[in-house]
Amino acid sequence: MSDGIRVAAVDDVEPGEALVLDTALTATADAISLFRDDDGTYYALDDTCSHEDASLAEGWIEAGEVECPLHATRFCLADGRPMCLPATKPVRTHRVEVRGEEVYLFPGVPAQVETGQINS
């Protein structure tokens, strides 16, 4: 899996939207969501909020954050850390690469924010 797995075409996820990636595709215990921020940047986070059982893909995406639809905790899309209460634990990030018109995911490999691994 060093080359990642193709999970979407770039047009499959509109800016400000998310796509839940099934565990059968990602081979992970929990679903992963692929987010596309308003500026077109792609991110991947574990789909389940770290505070309570809610799908982050159902939340609101804006300005580099996703807001949980259940209790309104906002998580940073780049590093998964909670930006406000009630959540206090981060959610796991996954590396994403855009290659031409396709989006690739590296499940279990943390996003490398400082080295620019998160692309649009």
N, C-alpha and C. Protein backbone atom coordinates (compact mmCIF):
# COMPACT_ATOMS: atom_id res chain seq x y z
N MET A 1 0.82 -1.19 0.00
CA MET A 1 0.00 0.00 0.00
C MET A 1 0.87 1.26 0.00
N SER A 2 2.12 1.14 -0.33
CA SER A 2 2.99 2.31 -0.33
C SER A 2 2.58 3.32 -1.39
N ASP A 3 1.84 2.90 -2.41
CA ASP A 3 1.38 3.82 -3.44
C ASP A 3 0.03 4.43 -3.10
N GLY A 4 -0.56 4.03 -1.98
CA GLY A 4 -1.88 4.51 -1.62
C GLY A 4 -2.96 3.78 -2.40
N ILE A 5 -4.21 4.08 -2.07
CA ILE A 5 -5.33 3.49 -2.79
C ILE A 5 -6.18 4.61 -3.39
N ARG A 6 -6.61 4.42 -4.62
CA ARG A 6 -7.46 5.41 -5.26
C ARG A 6 -8.83 5.35 -4.59
N VAL A 7 -9.29 6.49 -4.10
CA VAL A 7 -10.57 6.52 -3.40
C VAL A 7 -11.61 7.39 -4.08
N ALA A 8 -11.19 8.27 -5.00
CA ALA A 8 -12.15 9.16 -5.65
C ALA A 8 -11.50 9.87 -6.82
N ALA A 9 -12.33 10.39 -7.69
CA ALA A 9 -11.89 11.36 -8.69
C ALA A 9 -12.02 12.73 -8.03
N VAL A 10 -11.23 13.70 -8.47
CA VAL A 10 -11.27 15.01 -7.83
C VAL A 10 -12.66 15.62 -7.84
N ASP A 11 -13.46 15.34 -8.85
CA ASP A 11 -14.80 15.92 -8.93
C ASP A 11 -15.86 15.15 -8.15
N ASP A 12 -15.48 14.04 -7.51
CA ASP A 12 -16.43 13.26 -6.72
C ASP A 12 -16.83 13.96 -5.43
N VAL A 13 -15.99 14.86 -4.96
CA VAL A 13 -16.27 15.58 -3.71
C VAL A 13 -16.24 17.08 -4.02
N GLU A 14 -17.37 17.73 -3.86
CA GLU A 14 -17.47 19.17 -4.10
C GLU A 14 -16.81 19.93 -2.95
N PRO A 15 -16.32 21.15 -3.20
CA PRO A 15 -15.79 21.97 -2.10
C PRO A 15 -16.85 22.13 -1.00
N GLY A 16 -16.41 21.96 0.25
CA GLY A 16 -17.31 22.07 1.38
C GLY A 16 -18.10 20.80 1.67
N GLU A 17 -17.73 19.70 1.03
CA GLU A 17 -18.44 18.43 1.21
C GLU A 17 -17.48 17.34 1.67
N ALA A 18 -18.04 16.17 1.98
CA ALA A 18 -17.25 15.02 2.42
C ALA A 18 -17.80 13.74 1.82
N LEU A 19 -16.97 12.74 1.75
CA LEU A 19 -17.33 11.43 1.24
C LEU A 19 -16.86 10.39 2.25
N VAL A 20 -17.78 9.55 2.73
CA VAL A 20 -17.41 8.50 3.67
C VAL A 20 -16.86 7.32 2.88
N LEU A 21 -15.67 6.88 3.25
CA LEU A 21 -15.01 5.77 2.60
C LEU A 21 -15.24 4.50 3.44
N ASP A 22 -15.84 3.52 2.85
CA ASP A 22 -16.20 2.30 3.53
C ASP A 22 -14.96 1.55 4.01
N THR A 23 -15.11 0.85 5.11
CA THR A 23 -14.00 0.07 5.67
C THR A 23 -13.54 -1.05 4.73
N ALA A 24 -14.43 -1.52 3.86
CA ALA A 24 -14.03 -2.54 2.89
C ALA A 24 -13.00 -1.98 1.90
N LEU A 25 -13.10 -0.69 1.61
CA LEU A 25 -12.15 -0.04 0.71
C LEU A 25 -10.85 0.31 1.42
N THR A 26 -10.97 0.83 2.65
CA THR A 26 -9.79 1.33 3.37
C THR A 26 -9.07 0.26 4.19
N ALA A 27 -9.74 -0.86 4.46
CA ALA A 27 -9.20 -1.93 5.30
C ALA A 27 -8.84 -1.43 6.70
N THR A 28 -9.66 -0.51 7.22
CA THR A 28 -9.48 0.02 8.57
C THR A 28 -10.67 -0.40 9.43
N ALA A 29 -10.50 -0.34 10.74
CA ALA A 29 -11.57 -0.73 11.65
C ALA A 29 -12.75 0.26 11.60
N ASP A 30 -12.44 1.52 11.42
CA ASP A 30 -13.48 2.55 11.36
C ASP A 30 -13.48 3.22 9.99
N ALA A 31 -14.63 3.75 9.62
CA ALA A 31 -14.73 4.48 8.35
C ALA A 31 -13.84 5.72 8.39
N ILE A 32 -13.37 6.10 7.23
CA ILE A 32 -12.58 7.31 7.05
C ILE A 32 -13.38 8.23 6.14
N SER A 33 -13.36 9.52 6.43
CA SER A 33 -14.03 10.48 5.57
C SER A 33 -13.01 11.31 4.81
N LEU A 34 -13.30 11.51 3.54
CA LEU A 34 -12.50 12.36 2.67
C LEU A 34 -13.20 13.70 2.59
N PHE A 35 -12.53 14.75 3.04
CA PHE A 35 -13.10 16.10 3.07
C PHE A 35 -12.46 16.95 1.98
N ARG A 36 -13.25 17.85 1.42
CA ARG A 36 -12.70 18.85 0.50
C ARG A 36 -13.10 20.21 1.04
N ASP A 37 -12.11 20.96 1.48
CA ASP A 37 -12.36 22.27 2.07
C ASP A 37 -12.81 23.25 0.98
N ASP A 38 -13.32 24.39 1.41
CA ASP A 38 -13.80 25.42 0.49
C ASP A 38 -12.74 25.86 -0.52
N ASP A 39 -11.47 25.78 -0.13
CA ASP A 39 -10.40 26.19 -1.04
C ASP A 39 -9.96 25.06 -1.98
N GLY A 40 -10.61 23.89 -1.88
CA GLY A 40 -10.31 22.77 -2.76
C GLY A 40 -9.32 21.77 -2.20
N THR A 41 -8.78 22.02 -1.01
CA THR A 41 -7.81 21.12 -0.40
C THR A 41 -8.53 19.87 0.14
N TYR A 42 -7.92 18.70 -0.08
CA TYR A 42 -8.46 17.44 0.40
C TYR A 42 -7.79 17.03 1.71
N TYR A 43 -8.60 16.45 2.61
CA TYR A 43 -8.13 15.94 3.89
C TYR A 43 -8.84 14.62 4.16
N ALA A 44 -8.26 13.79 5.01
CA ALA A 44 -8.92 12.56 5.44
C ALA A 44 -8.78 12.43 6.95
N LEU A 45 -9.91 12.15 7.60
CA LEU A 45 -9.97 11.95 9.05
C LEU A 45 -10.80 10.72 9.32
N ASP A 46 -10.56 10.09 10.48
CA ASP A 46 -11.50 9.07 10.93
C ASP A 46 -12.88 9.73 10.98
N ASP A 47 -13.90 9.01 10.56
CA ASP A 47 -15.23 9.61 10.42
C ASP A 47 -15.93 9.85 11.75
N THR A 48 -15.58 9.11 12.79
CA THR A 48 -16.31 9.21 14.05
C THR A 48 -15.71 10.26 14.98
N CYS A 49 -16.56 11.15 15.46
CA CYS A 49 -16.15 12.19 16.43
C CYS A 49 -15.53 11.52 17.65
N SER A 50 -14.49 12.11 18.20
CA SER A 50 -13.82 11.54 19.37
C SER A 50 -14.59 11.78 20.67
N HIS A 51 -15.61 12.61 20.63
CA HIS A 51 -16.41 12.90 21.82
C HIS A 51 -17.60 11.97 21.94
N GLU A 52 -18.29 11.76 20.85
CA GLU A 52 -19.48 10.93 20.86
C GLU A 52 -19.65 10.31 19.47
N ASP A 53 -20.49 9.31 19.40
CA ASP A 53 -20.64 8.55 18.15
C ASP A 53 -21.45 9.35 17.12
N ALA A 54 -20.74 10.16 16.34
CA ALA A 54 -21.37 10.96 15.28
C ALA A 54 -20.46 10.97 14.07
N SER A 55 -21.05 10.99 12.89
CA SER A 55 -20.28 11.02 11.65
C SER A 55 -19.83 12.44 11.34
N LEU A 56 -18.52 12.64 11.28
CA LEU A 56 -18.01 13.97 10.95
C LEU A 56 -18.34 14.36 9.51
N ALA A 57 -18.53 13.38 8.64
CA ALA A 57 -18.88 13.69 7.25
C ALA A 57 -20.23 14.39 7.15
N GLU A 58 -21.05 14.25 8.17
CA GLU A 58 -22.35 14.91 8.20
C GLU A 58 -22.26 16.32 8.77
N GLY A 59 -21.05 16.74 9.16
CA GLY A 59 -20.85 18.06 9.75
C GLY A 59 -20.67 19.15 8.71
N TRP A 60 -20.36 20.33 9.18
CA TRP A 60 -20.18 21.52 8.34
C TRP A 60 -18.69 21.75 8.15
N ILE A 61 -18.30 21.96 6.92
CA ILE A 61 -16.89 22.11 6.57
C ILE A 61 -16.66 23.55 6.12
N GLU A 62 -15.71 24.20 6.80
CA GLU A 62 -15.43 25.59 6.46
C GLU A 62 -14.10 26.01 7.07
N ALA A 63 -13.33 26.73 6.28
CA ALA A 63 -12.09 27.37 6.75
C ALA A 63 -11.15 26.40 7.46
N GLY A 64 -10.96 25.21 6.89
CA GLY A 64 -10.00 24.27 7.45
C GLY A 64 -10.50 23.49 8.65
N GLU A 65 -11.80 23.51 8.91
CA GLU A 65 -12.36 22.81 10.06
C GLU A 65 -13.64 22.08 9.65
N VAL A 66 -13.97 21.03 10.40
CA VAL A 66 -15.25 20.36 10.28
C VAL A 66 -15.92 20.44 11.65
N GLU A 67 -17.19 20.81 11.65
CA GLU A 67 -17.95 20.91 12.90
C GLU A 67 -18.82 19.67 13.04
N CYS A 68 -18.67 18.98 14.17
CA CYS A 68 -19.45 17.79 14.45
C CYS A 68 -20.94 18.15 14.49
N PRO A 69 -21.80 17.38 13.84
CA PRO A 69 -23.22 17.71 13.81
C PRO A 69 -23.93 17.46 15.14
N LEU A 70 -23.30 16.74 16.05
CA LEU A 70 -23.97 16.38 17.30
C LEU A 70 -23.81 17.44 18.39
N HIS A 71 -22.57 17.81 18.71
CA HIS A 71 -22.33 18.76 19.80
C HIS A 71 -21.48 19.95 19.39
N ALA A 72 -21.26 20.13 18.09
CA ALA A 72 -20.62 21.33 17.54
C ALA A 72 -19.13 21.49 17.84
N THR A 73 -18.45 20.43 18.26
CA THR A 73 -16.99 20.53 18.34
C THR A 73 -16.46 20.71 16.93
N ARG A 74 -15.52 21.61 16.77
CA ARG A 74 -14.87 21.81 15.48
C ARG A 74 -13.50 21.13 15.54
N PHE A 75 -13.17 20.38 14.49
CA PHE A 75 -11.88 19.70 14.38
C PHE A 75 -11.09 20.30 13.24
N CYS A 76 -9.79 20.48 13.46
CA CYS A 76 -8.90 20.95 12.40
C CYS A 76 -8.76 19.83 11.38
N LEU A 77 -9.03 20.14 10.12
CA LEU A 77 -8.92 19.12 9.08
C LEU A 77 -7.47 18.70 8.84
N ALA A 78 -6.52 19.58 9.06
CA ALA A 78 -5.12 19.28 8.79
C ALA A 78 -4.50 18.33 9.81
N ASP A 79 -4.84 18.51 11.10
CA ASP A 79 -4.18 17.67 12.11
C ASP A 79 -5.13 16.93 13.05
N GLY A 80 -6.44 17.11 12.88
CA GLY A 80 -7.43 16.36 13.65
C GLY A 80 -7.68 16.84 15.06
N ARG A 81 -7.01 17.90 15.50
CA ARG A 81 -7.19 18.32 16.89
C ARG A 81 -8.50 19.09 17.07
N PRO A 82 -9.15 18.92 18.25
CA PRO A 82 -10.38 19.66 18.52
C PRO A 82 -10.05 21.14 18.75
N MET A 83 -10.87 21.99 18.19
CA MET A 83 -10.66 23.43 18.30
C MET A 83 -11.49 24.05 19.42
N CYS A 84 -12.43 23.26 19.97
CA CYS A 84 -13.28 23.74 21.07
C CYS A 84 -13.91 22.53 21.76
N LEU A 85 -14.49 22.77 22.90
CA LEU A 85 -15.19 21.71 23.65
C LEU A 85 -16.51 21.41 22.96
N PRO A 86 -17.10 20.24 23.19
CA PRO A 86 -16.83 19.32 24.28
C PRO A 86 -15.74 18.28 23.99
N ALA A 87 -15.33 18.07 22.76
CA ALA A 87 -14.28 17.07 22.50
C ALA A 87 -12.94 17.56 23.02
N THR A 88 -12.16 16.65 23.54
CA THR A 88 -10.82 16.98 24.03
C THR A 88 -9.74 16.13 23.37
N LYS A 89 -10.15 15.08 22.65
CA LYS A 89 -9.19 14.19 21.98
C LYS A 89 -9.24 14.44 20.48
N PRO A 90 -8.08 14.39 19.82
CA PRO A 90 -8.08 14.55 18.36
C PRO A 90 -8.64 13.31 17.67
N VAL A 91 -8.98 13.48 16.40
CA VAL A 91 -9.32 12.34 15.56
C VAL A 91 -8.12 12.08 14.66
N ARG A 92 -7.97 10.85 14.27
CA ARG A 92 -6.81 10.43 13.48
C ARG A 92 -6.90 10.98 12.05
N THR A 93 -5.77 11.45 11.56
CA THR A 93 -5.69 11.91 10.17
C THR A 93 -5.06 10.82 9.32
N HIS A 94 -5.25 10.95 8.01
CA HIS A 94 -4.67 10.01 7.06
C HIS A 94 -4.12 10.81 5.88
N ARG A 95 -3.01 10.39 5.38
CA ARG A 95 -2.36 11.10 4.27
C ARG A 95 -3.22 11.00 3.00
N VAL A 96 -3.31 12.11 2.28
CA VAL A 96 -4.05 12.20 1.03
C VAL A 96 -3.12 12.78 -0.03
N GLU A 97 -3.20 12.25 -1.24
CA GLU A 97 -2.46 12.81 -2.37
C GLU A 97 -3.41 12.96 -3.55
N VAL A 98 -3.29 14.06 -4.25
CA VAL A 98 -4.02 14.25 -5.50
C VAL A 98 -3.02 14.06 -6.62
N ARG A 99 -3.34 13.12 -7.51
CA ARG A 99 -2.48 12.83 -8.67
C ARG A 99 -3.32 13.06 -9.92
N GLY A 100 -3.08 14.18 -10.57
CA GLY A 100 -3.88 14.51 -11.74
C GLY A 100 -5.33 14.71 -11.34
N GLU A 101 -6.19 13.85 -11.82
CA GLU A 101 -7.63 13.94 -11.54
C GLU A 101 -8.12 12.91 -10.53
N GLU A 102 -7.17 12.26 -9.83
CA GLU A 102 -7.55 11.21 -8.89
C GLU A 102 -7.02 11.50 -7.49
N VAL A 103 -7.78 11.04 -6.48
CA VAL A 103 -7.41 11.24 -5.08
C VAL A 103 -7.02 9.89 -4.50
N TYR A 104 -5.85 9.86 -3.86
CA TYR A 104 -5.32 8.65 -3.24
C TYR A 104 -5.23 8.83 -1.73
N LEU A 105 -5.52 7.74 -1.03
CA LEU A 105 -5.50 7.72 0.43
C LEU A 105 -4.46 6.72 0.90
N PHE A 106 -3.79 7.08 2.00
CA PHE A 106 -2.84 6.20 2.66
C PHE A 106 -3.39 5.93 4.06
N PRO A 107 -4.30 4.94 4.20
CA PRO A 107 -4.92 4.68 5.50
C PRO A 107 -3.88 4.35 6.56
N GLY A 108 -4.02 4.98 7.72
CA GLY A 108 -3.12 4.74 8.83
C GLY A 108 -1.82 5.52 8.78
N VAL A 109 -1.58 6.23 7.68
CA VAL A 109 -0.38 7.07 7.58
C VAL A 109 -0.82 8.50 7.90
N PRO A 110 -0.34 9.07 9.00
CA PRO A 110 -0.79 10.41 9.37
C PRO A 110 -0.46 11.45 8.30
N ALA A 111 -1.37 12.41 8.18
CA ALA A 111 -1.12 13.53 7.27
C ALA A 111 0.13 14.25 7.75
N GLN A 112 0.96 14.67 6.82
CA GLN A 112 2.20 15.37 7.16
C GLN A 112 2.04 16.84 6.81
N VAL A 113 1.39 17.55 7.69
CA VAL A 113 1.06 18.95 7.45
C VAL A 113 2.28 19.81 7.22
N GLU A 114 3.32 19.61 8.03
CA GLU A 114 4.49 20.48 7.94
C GLU A 114 5.30 20.32 6.67
N THR A 115 5.13 19.17 5.97
CA THR A 115 5.90 18.96 4.76
C THR A 115 5.06 19.10 3.50
N GLY A 116 3.83 19.57 3.66
CA GLY A 116 3.00 19.82 2.51
C GLY A 116 2.44 18.58 1.85
N GLN A 117 2.28 17.50 2.58
CA GLN A 117 1.74 16.28 2.00
C GLN A 117 0.24 16.41 1.69
N ILE A 118 -0.42 17.39 2.28
CA ILE A 118 -1.82 17.59 2.00
C ILE A 118 -1.92 18.50 0.79
N ASN A 119 -2.50 17.97 -0.26
CA ASN A 119 -2.55 18.69 -1.53
C ASN A 119 -3.97 18.93 -1.97
N SER A 120 -4.12 19.87 -2.86
CA SER A 120 -5.41 20.03 -3.52
C SER A 120 -5.23 19.82 -5.00
